[in-house]
Amino acid sequence: MSNDLPGVDVDLADGILRVTLNRPARMNAVQTETLEAVADAFDKYADDSAVRVVLLTGTGRAFCSGADLAGKDLSAPPSADTIDAANRVAATIRAFPRPVIGAVNGAAAGVGVSLALSCDLTVAKESSYFLLAFAKIGLMPDGGASALVAASIGRARALKMALLAERLPAPEALQAGLIADVYADDEFDTAVEQLATRLAQGPTSALGSTKCAINDATLTELDNAFARERAGQLELLGSADFTEGVSAFREKRPAVFGRG
């Protein structure tokens, strides 16, 4: 069974629900509609007993490069639409009653980090990396990233990722505890399929209960993070620093932020 949503491919076979970001020309950068389509796919199959595991991944050389800034109208009033959609995806994945694998096949940047870490088992290609790029355009992490990252690697490392906006290569992400495993590039697809099949053949109810129990114990701040990030991001979206950050991004030059 398969269907195509805006920038998202969905396929169910052999107990594995595959949700694939499919905007390779934009490195799977997401729009509000893309995020809503991902959340809709999880909602649609939440009560489907044919689904035993979900695999979330991307097409091409990126997992997700963040929010799509192409065509962003910097003169328009700040909108929470994309933030709300990102929060909905993270919450929906976290609440999904079966295990979700995040297969990071390339760059995971911005809200792409939130999507990856919302999953229960996040694995990555050796050449991939994670980047909380928000500070580069005058914004703060959203999509629950402030809670998801800190819950995995602690306050100090989370602040380093968020404040310095530096790439964290997949092997270092594994060592830090951000993700569950790393596979060699030429072994990635096979290893991910083997992992998905293993989970699909496991005790579905027990795995779902285990997922929920561990998430409940470790992501106690996720809902509060959604609210804090939404409020902070809406303010920042109306700032001169954001306008400068996006302009610099489009013009491929270093941003010059204000000092006030």
Foldseek 3Di string as FASTA:
>chain_A
DWDDFVQWIWDADLQEIEIERHPVVQLSADDLRRLQVLLVNLVVCLPPPSHQEYEYAYPDAWRYAYHDCVPPDLVDAFDCSSLVSLLSLLVSQLLRLHAYEYETRAEQEASSLLNQLSGQAYEYEQAHWYWDQQVLQQAFGGSLLLQSQCLFQHDVVSCCRGVVRDIGGRVNCVVSRSHPYYDYNVCRVVVVVVVSNVSSPDDRNVNSVVSNVVCVVRRVCRVVRSVVRSVRRSVRSNDPSNVQSSVCVVVVHRGDDDDD
